[in-house]
Structure formats: C-alpha cells, structure tokens
Amino acid sequence: MSSQSRDEAWPELDWSDWHDTGDTLHRWTQIVGKVRLALTPMMNHWWQVALYVTSRGLTTSPIPYQALTFDVTFDFIDHTLLIETSNGSSEAFALQPMSVAAFYSEFTTRLRRLGIEAKVWTMPCEIPDAVPFQEDCDHAAYDPAYARRFFRVLVHTNRVFNSFRSQFLGKASPVHFFWGSFDLAVTRFSGRPAPPHPGVAPNLANWVMREAYSHEVSSCGFWPGNGGYGRAAFYSYAYPEPPSFSGAKLCVPGGFFDQQLKEFILTYDAVRQAEDPDRTLMEFLQETYAAAADGAGWDRGALDRVNPDREVR
C-alpha cells in the first residue's frame, strides 16, 4: 500500500488535536443511544443499545415505537443528524459547534415533531465528573474535518473487525459502537458462564457490568483516544483473564500488554504506519484471541473457522 493510499484509508488521528470534538461527540452519541436504550427490547450483553458503522457515519438501526420504527444517523459526510421513520417522515439538523445542552434540546424537539417521546436518564455514563445533558454548556466543539477522519478510521476498522468475526463459528457479538465507552468493539464467547464481574464505572451500576460479562469472552476494540490510554489504540482483553494471558508474546510489531489497563494494546499509529495496516491489525486480533482462548482452554476445534486461504485486502 502506498503512503498516500494508506493515509486516505488510515488518516492521522491524534487525540490531542481533536479531543474537544471527541468529548462532545461522545456525549451526543450517548443522548441518541439512551433513546435507543429506552425504547428497544433488552438483548443479552446490552447488544440492543449499540450503534453501527454505515457508509456515512453511525446509526442506531431501526428502533420500535408504537406502530412504527425510526432510526437515527450521525452523517459524518454531510455533517447532519438525521431521524427517519417507517411512515416516511423525517427530521434533520446540522452537526456543527453546539453545546451538549443545545444538542439535547434540538434532538428531543425533533423527536416530538415526529410524535416520538422517550424518557431517558440524562446523566452521561462511563464519564467521570459528568453533568446532565441539559446542563452541559461546556462541551460544544465540532470540527467536521476531524469528525470525518474519525469516521474513516471506523469504516476501515469495521471492515477488518468483520473479517475477523467471520472466522469464528461460536457465539460472537456484532461489530458495534458502544456509546458509553465510545469505542468500536467485537466480542467472541467460549459458551461457558463467567464469574460475576466486579467492575464499576461512573454512573454505571455493577449489575450492568455483570450482564455484559455474564459469559467468558475474548474482546477487542478501538478507542479513538479515550478509554484511559490517552491516544488512539486497538485493544484486546479476556474475561476472566487466564493466568497465562498477560505473559503471551506477540509477534505483531508494536503489540504489548499494558499492566495498568490489563489489556493488550496496539497503537493506531503502529497500524496506520505499517506497510500493510490490514494485515498488522488482523495479526494483533488473531494473536491476542489465541492467547485468551488457549489460556482458558476454549474448544477451538469447534469454535474456529479454518480458512487459511482467506486474507484481508
């Protein structure tokens, strides 16, 4: 891959350059995601709350409401928030610099115009020192160039993650974007129950974590710069963590186990600067999954799809 085509597919994404926009977008996606949470039937591991990467941005997919459905899309090409219903009506407004409070007001107003009411808890989840959406006038940045860069990274990460997901025959999550943690993730399951998860996060009850991690997992994902690492990175972890997991040696250049996060990390820059970014990312995903599955004694003969001729291109 030439450096020009690599930069187009995997653009520079330095969190320090766009964290104001990222922090605002994080809260905007939570506002939309909480409406999805309020109206969509519960699924295992909270899969019903996530957003999905599209060819234009992030979408809820159809949300049921009385006799119709609607979906909400963050369009990062035309920089528009679009609400469309199954009866043909729609509302839209521009994504531009505005406070979280203003976004919340505009979004709920547009929903009401469509006859949609949703009662949500307005406190952001998984964000330290947060304030309710309707009171947040501090986070108001939106840089369209960086929003589009972020979207381009999601598109290509989504593509590689879906190829990785296709190589597993067992239970696996969709590739989905969690607005609470503001990351794109995909998770594989051994099929065995896990011990109750002890974790907590800001404005997130332990029982939420226990549902998310009710069964053994090997999970991987992409942070744009949040998540406790401070820079764009791919991650991989296991729950429960096998004793041998942290000591696994990776062959992929730049991959390492972060003792503080208790996760394997591969920086986004290591991927985007690689000669073959797709292959580098896939190797990281495969090696860390093997460390989790082999360490925990998963039945890989029954769970893995053996297809050595398939490559990510």
Protein backbone atom coordinates (compact mmCIF):
# COMPACT_ATOMS: atom_id res chain seq x y z
CA MET A 1 0.00 0.00 0.00
CA SER A 2 1.39 3.41 -0.99
CA SER A 3 1.79 6.05 1.71
CA GLN A 4 -0.87 8.19 0.00
CA SER A 5 -3.49 5.44 -0.14
CA ARG A 6 -2.59 4.39 3.41
CA ASP A 7 -3.14 7.94 4.67
CA GLU A 8 -6.51 8.07 2.90
CA ALA A 9 -7.67 4.81 4.49
CA TRP A 10 -5.97 5.27 7.86
CA PRO A 11 -5.63 9.04 8.42
CA GLU A 12 -3.71 10.66 11.24
CA LEU A 13 -5.88 10.84 14.35
CA ASP A 14 -4.07 12.50 17.23
CA TRP A 15 -6.46 12.75 20.20
CA SER A 16 -4.72 15.89 21.45
CA ASP A 17 -5.75 17.66 18.22
CA TRP A 18 -9.46 16.85 18.41
CA HIS A 19 -10.32 15.74 21.94
CA ASP A 20 -12.72 18.68 22.34
CA THR A 21 -14.73 17.42 19.36
CA GLY A 22 -14.34 13.81 20.55
CA ASP A 23 -15.59 14.62 24.04
CA THR A 24 -18.60 16.46 22.60
CA LEU A 25 -19.39 13.66 20.15
CA HIS A 26 -19.14 11.15 22.99
CA ARG A 27 -21.96 12.91 24.80
CA TRP A 28 -24.03 13.44 21.64
CA THR A 29 -23.89 9.73 20.87
CA GLN A 30 -24.97 8.99 24.44
CA ILE A 31 -28.06 11.16 24.02
CA VAL A 32 -29.08 9.23 20.90
CA GLY A 33 -28.03 5.90 22.41
CA LYS A 34 -30.10 6.43 25.53
CA VAL A 35 -33.22 6.89 23.41
CA ARG A 36 -32.39 3.58 21.75
CA LEU A 37 -31.90 2.02 25.19
CA ALA A 38 -35.27 3.35 26.42
CA LEU A 39 -37.29 2.01 23.51
CA THR A 40 -35.59 -1.18 22.32
CA PRO A 41 -36.25 -4.60 23.93
CA MET A 42 -33.43 -5.94 26.08
CA MET A 43 -30.90 -8.28 24.50
CA ASN A 44 -28.09 -10.25 26.08
CA HIS A 45 -24.94 -8.26 26.92
CA TRP A 46 -26.73 -4.97 26.08
CA TRP A 47 -26.36 -5.54 22.35
CA GLN A 48 -29.59 -3.62 21.75
CA VAL A 49 -28.07 -0.29 22.80
CA ALA A 50 -25.13 -0.08 20.40
CA LEU A 51 -24.67 1.99 17.25
CA TYR A 52 -23.40 0.64 13.93
CA VAL A 53 -20.98 1.92 11.30
CA THR A 54 -22.60 2.80 7.97
CA SER A 55 -21.23 4.16 4.71
CA ARG A 56 -21.91 7.67 6.01
CA GLY A 57 -21.42 7.52 9.78
CA LEU A 58 -23.06 5.85 12.76
CA THR A 59 -26.66 4.67 13.03
CA THR A 60 -28.98 3.21 15.63
CA SER A 61 -30.64 0.80 13.15
CA PRO A 62 -34.48 0.65 13.43
CA ILE A 63 -35.92 1.50 16.86
CA PRO A 64 -39.51 0.35 17.58
CA TYR A 65 -42.03 2.97 18.66
CA GLN A 66 -45.73 2.15 18.86
CA ALA A 67 -46.89 1.23 15.32
CA LEU A 68 -43.72 2.38 13.54
CA THR A 69 -39.94 2.29 13.65
CA PHE A 70 -37.37 5.05 13.33
CA ASP A 71 -33.64 5.28 13.10
CA VAL A 72 -31.14 7.99 13.90
CA THR A 73 -27.94 8.53 11.90
CA PHE A 74 -24.88 10.66 12.51
CA ASP A 75 -23.89 11.54 8.94
CA PHE A 76 -20.21 12.48 9.05
CA ILE A 77 -20.04 13.21 5.32
CA ASP A 78 -22.74 15.87 5.13
CA HIS A 79 -22.46 16.53 8.90
CA THR A 80 -26.12 16.05 9.64
CA LEU A 81 -28.14 14.32 12.35
CA LEU A 82 -30.96 12.52 10.53
CA ILE A 83 -34.08 10.93 12.03
CA GLU A 84 -36.17 8.81 9.63
CA THR A 85 -39.38 6.90 10.35
CA SER A 86 -41.09 3.95 8.69
CA ASN A 87 -44.07 6.14 7.75
CA GLY A 88 -41.87 8.32 5.55
CA SER A 89 -41.49 11.35 7.81
CA SER A 90 -38.09 12.67 8.80
CA GLU A 91 -36.26 15.43 10.63
CA ALA A 92 -32.66 16.62 10.33
CA PHE A 93 -30.35 19.26 11.70
CA ALA A 94 -26.75 20.22 11.09
CA LEU A 95 -23.87 18.81 13.10
CA GLN A 96 -21.91 21.92 13.96
CA PRO A 97 -20.42 23.54 17.05
CA MET A 98 -23.16 23.47 19.69
CA SER A 99 -23.30 22.60 23.36
CA VAL A 100 -24.45 19.23 24.62
CA ALA A 101 -27.42 21.03 26.18
CA ALA A 102 -28.35 22.57 22.81
CA PHE A 103 -27.97 19.22 21.03
CA TYR A 104 -30.17 17.53 23.62
CA SER A 105 -32.85 20.19 23.24
CA GLU A 106 -32.74 20.12 19.44
CA PHE A 107 -32.81 16.33 19.25
CA THR A 108 -35.73 15.90 21.66
CA THR A 109 -37.64 18.68 19.89
CA ARG A 110 -37.20 16.92 16.54
CA LEU A 111 -38.35 13.62 18.03
CA ARG A 112 -41.51 15.27 19.37
CA ARG A 113 -42.24 16.73 15.94
CA LEU A 114 -42.30 13.14 14.71
CA GLY A 115 -44.61 12.12 17.56
CA ILE A 116 -41.88 10.25 19.46
CA GLU A 117 -41.48 10.53 23.22
CA ALA A 118 -38.73 8.76 25.14
CA LYS A 119 -37.94 9.15 28.83
CA VAL A 120 -34.19 8.84 29.43
CA TRP A 121 -31.81 9.29 32.35
CA THR A 122 -29.87 12.39 31.28
CA MET A 123 -26.70 11.65 33.24
CA PRO A 124 -23.82 10.51 30.98
CA CYS A 125 -22.49 7.01 31.67
CA GLU A 126 -18.86 5.96 31.99
CA ILE A 127 -17.64 9.58 32.02
CA PRO A 128 -16.03 10.89 35.21
CA ASP A 129 -17.25 14.21 36.63
CA ALA A 130 -20.08 14.44 34.11
CA VAL A 131 -23.11 16.70 34.34
CA PRO A 132 -26.62 16.06 32.96
CA PHE A 133 -27.00 16.63 29.24
CA GLN A 134 -29.44 19.52 29.65
CA GLU A 135 -26.93 21.35 31.88
CA ASP A 136 -23.76 20.77 29.84
CA CYS A 137 -22.82 24.00 28.11
CA ASP A 138 -19.04 23.38 28.32
CA HIS A 139 -18.71 20.67 25.66
CA ALA A 140 -19.62 22.43 22.43
CA ALA A 141 -16.89 21.66 19.85
CA TYR A 142 -17.40 20.10 16.44
CA ASP A 143 -14.57 20.05 13.90
CA PRO A 144 -16.03 18.50 10.71
CA ALA A 145 -12.61 17.54 9.34
CA TYR A 146 -11.76 15.50 12.42
CA ALA A 147 -15.25 14.04 12.65
CA ARG A 148 -14.77 12.76 9.10
CA ARG A 149 -11.29 11.40 9.91
CA PHE A 150 -12.76 9.57 12.88
CA PHE A 151 -15.47 8.15 10.63
CA ARG A 152 -12.91 6.97 8.05
CA VAL A 153 -11.00 5.11 10.76
CA LEU A 154 -14.25 3.49 11.93
CA VAL A 155 -15.06 2.37 8.37
CA HIS A 156 -11.76 0.56 7.90
CA THR A 157 -11.65 -0.80 11.43
CA ASN A 158 -15.21 -2.08 10.99
CA ARG A 159 -14.15 -3.83 7.78
CA VAL A 160 -11.21 -5.64 9.41
CA PHE A 161 -13.21 -6.46 12.54
CA ASN A 162 -15.98 -8.03 10.45
CA SER A 163 -13.45 -10.15 8.58
CA PHE A 164 -12.02 -11.26 11.94
CA ARG A 165 -15.53 -12.00 13.25
CA SER A 166 -16.25 -14.18 10.19
CA GLN A 167 -13.50 -16.58 11.23
CA PHE A 168 -15.36 -17.70 14.36
CA LEU A 169 -18.17 -20.27 14.41
CA GLY A 170 -19.23 -19.75 18.02
CA LYS A 171 -21.32 -17.01 19.57
CA ALA A 172 -19.97 -13.59 18.66
CA SER A 173 -21.28 -10.07 19.01
CA PRO A 174 -21.89 -7.83 16.02
CA VAL A 175 -19.18 -5.28 15.34
CA HIS A 176 -20.80 -2.40 17.17
CA PHE A 177 -20.09 1.02 18.63
CA PHE A 178 -20.77 1.41 22.34
CA TRP A 179 -21.66 5.00 23.15
CA GLY A 180 -20.95 4.53 26.87
CA SER A 181 -17.28 3.76 26.35
CA PHE A 182 -17.10 5.46 22.91
CA ASP A 183 -15.38 2.55 21.20
CA LEU A 184 -15.92 0.10 18.35
CA ALA A 185 -15.80 -3.49 19.57
CA VAL A 186 -16.40 -7.14 18.71
CA THR A 187 -16.52 -9.99 21.22
CA ARG A 188 -16.16 -13.77 21.00
CA PHE A 189 -17.63 -16.16 23.57
CA SER A 190 -16.49 -19.58 24.73
CA GLY A 191 -20.05 -20.58 25.66
CA ARG A 192 -19.18 -21.03 29.33
CA PRO A 193 -20.54 -18.85 32.18
CA ALA A 194 -18.14 -16.40 33.80
CA PRO A 195 -17.84 -15.42 37.46
CA PRO A 196 -19.75 -12.24 38.42
CA HIS A 197 -17.86 -9.22 37.13
CA PRO A 198 -16.63 -6.96 39.95
CA GLY A 199 -16.21 -3.84 37.85
CA VAL A 200 -17.92 -0.48 38.11
CA ALA A 201 -17.75 2.70 36.05
CA PRO A 202 -19.01 6.25 36.61
CA ASN A 203 -22.82 6.31 36.61
CA LEU A 204 -22.95 2.62 35.73
CA ALA A 205 -24.19 0.02 38.20
CA ASN A 206 -22.37 -3.26 38.80
CA TRP A 207 -25.38 -5.26 37.59
CA VAL A 208 -24.90 -3.66 34.17
CA MET A 209 -21.33 -4.95 34.06
CA ARG A 210 -22.45 -8.38 35.25
CA GLU A 211 -24.89 -8.66 32.36
CA ALA A 212 -22.22 -7.54 29.88
CA TYR A 213 -19.75 -10.14 31.16
CA SER A 214 -22.05 -12.99 32.14
CA HIS A 215 -20.06 -15.43 29.97
CA GLU A 216 -16.38 -15.92 29.15
CA VAL A 217 -15.16 -13.52 26.49
CA SER A 218 -12.27 -12.55 24.31
CA SER A 219 -12.98 -8.98 23.27
CA CYS A 220 -11.19 -6.47 21.08
CA GLY A 221 -11.88 -2.95 20.00
CA PHE A 222 -10.74 0.53 19.01
CA TRP A 223 -10.56 3.64 21.17
CA PRO A 224 -10.14 6.95 19.31
CA GLY A 225 -8.17 8.34 22.24
CA ASN A 226 -10.37 7.96 25.28
CA GLY A 227 -10.60 4.81 27.37
CA GLY A 228 -7.80 5.54 29.80
CA TYR A 229 -4.95 5.25 27.28
CA GLY A 230 -4.90 8.82 26.01
CA ARG A 231 -4.21 8.07 22.35
CA ALA A 232 -5.90 6.18 19.54
CA ALA A 233 -5.33 2.47 20.01
CA PHE A 234 -6.63 -1.02 19.41
CA TYR A 235 -7.09 -3.19 22.48
CA SER A 236 -7.79 -6.81 23.38
CA TYR A 237 -8.69 -8.39 26.70
CA ALA A 238 -10.17 -11.54 28.21
CA TYR A 239 -12.68 -12.01 31.00
CA PRO A 240 -11.98 -13.85 33.14
CA GLU A 241 -8.30 -13.34 32.40
CA PRO A 242 -6.39 -16.65 32.10
CA PRO A 243 -3.22 -16.83 34.23
CA SER A 244 -1.02 -17.02 31.14
CA PHE A 245 -2.70 -14.18 29.24
CA SER A 246 -0.55 -11.22 30.22
CA GLY A 247 2.65 -13.15 29.51
CA ALA A 248 1.76 -14.10 25.95
CA LYS A 249 4.37 -12.99 23.43
CA LEU A 250 3.05 -11.25 20.36
CA CYS A 251 4.78 -11.34 17.00
CA VAL A 252 2.93 -8.33 15.61
CA PRO A 253 5.26 -5.31 15.76
CA GLY A 254 4.24 -2.82 18.42
CA GLY A 255 1.80 -5.05 20.31
CA PHE A 256 2.23 -5.24 24.08
CA PHE A 257 0.37 -5.95 27.32
CA ASP A 258 -0.39 -2.86 29.39
CA GLN A 259 -0.16 -3.84 33.05
CA GLN A 260 -2.25 -0.89 34.22
CA LEU A 261 -5.13 -1.44 31.79
CA LYS A 262 -4.80 -5.25 31.92
CA GLU A 263 -5.23 -5.34 28.15
CA PHE A 264 -3.12 -5.89 25.07
CA ILE A 265 -2.55 -2.66 23.16
CA LEU A 266 -1.56 -1.87 19.59
CA THR A 267 -1.42 1.85 18.93
CA TYR A 268 -3.35 3.21 15.99
CA ASP A 269 -0.16 4.83 14.70
CA ALA A 270 1.57 1.42 14.62
CA VAL A 271 -1.22 0.19 12.35
CA ARG A 272 -1.51 3.22 10.08
CA GLN A 273 2.28 3.39 9.57
CA ALA A 274 2.64 -0.33 8.82
CA GLU A 275 3.37 -1.49 5.28
CA ASP A 276 0.12 -3.47 5.36
CA PRO A 277 -2.19 -1.96 8.02
CA ASP A 278 -4.97 -4.52 7.49
CA ARG A 279 -2.64 -7.46 7.97
CA THR A 280 -0.97 -5.87 11.00
CA LEU A 281 -4.30 -5.29 12.72
CA MET A 282 -5.56 -8.77 11.85
CA GLU A 283 -2.41 -10.36 13.29
CA PHE A 284 -2.94 -8.44 16.54
CA LEU A 285 -6.56 -9.62 16.75
CA GLN A 286 -5.69 -13.23 15.99
CA GLU A 287 -2.70 -13.43 18.33
CA THR A 288 -4.48 -11.92 21.30
CA TYR A 289 -7.56 -14.09 20.72
CA ALA A 290 -5.30 -17.16 20.67
CA ALA A 291 -3.70 -16.04 23.95
CA ALA A 292 -7.14 -15.75 25.56
CA ALA A 293 -8.68 -18.91 24.10
CA ASP A 294 -5.68 -21.19 24.56
CA GLY A 295 -5.01 -19.86 28.04
CA ALA A 296 -8.60 -20.55 29.10
CA GLY A 297 -8.88 -23.91 27.33
CA TRP A 298 -11.56 -22.99 24.80
CA ASP A 299 -12.62 -25.72 22.39
CA ARG A 300 -11.06 -24.03 19.39
CA GLY A 301 -11.63 -27.04 17.16
CA ALA A 302 -15.36 -26.44 17.47
CA LEU A 303 -15.26 -22.63 17.59
CA ASP A 304 -12.73 -21.52 14.96
CA ARG A 305 -13.38 -21.41 11.22
CA VAL A 306 -10.34 -22.82 9.43
CA ASN A 307 -9.94 -20.94 6.15
CA PRO A 308 -6.23 -20.31 5.60
CA ASP A 309 -6.71 -19.02 2.05
CA ARG A 310 -8.80 -16.04 3.14
CA GLU A 311 -6.92 -12.78 3.54
CA VAL A 312 -7.98 -9.27 4.44
CA ARG A 313 -7.48 -6.98 1.47
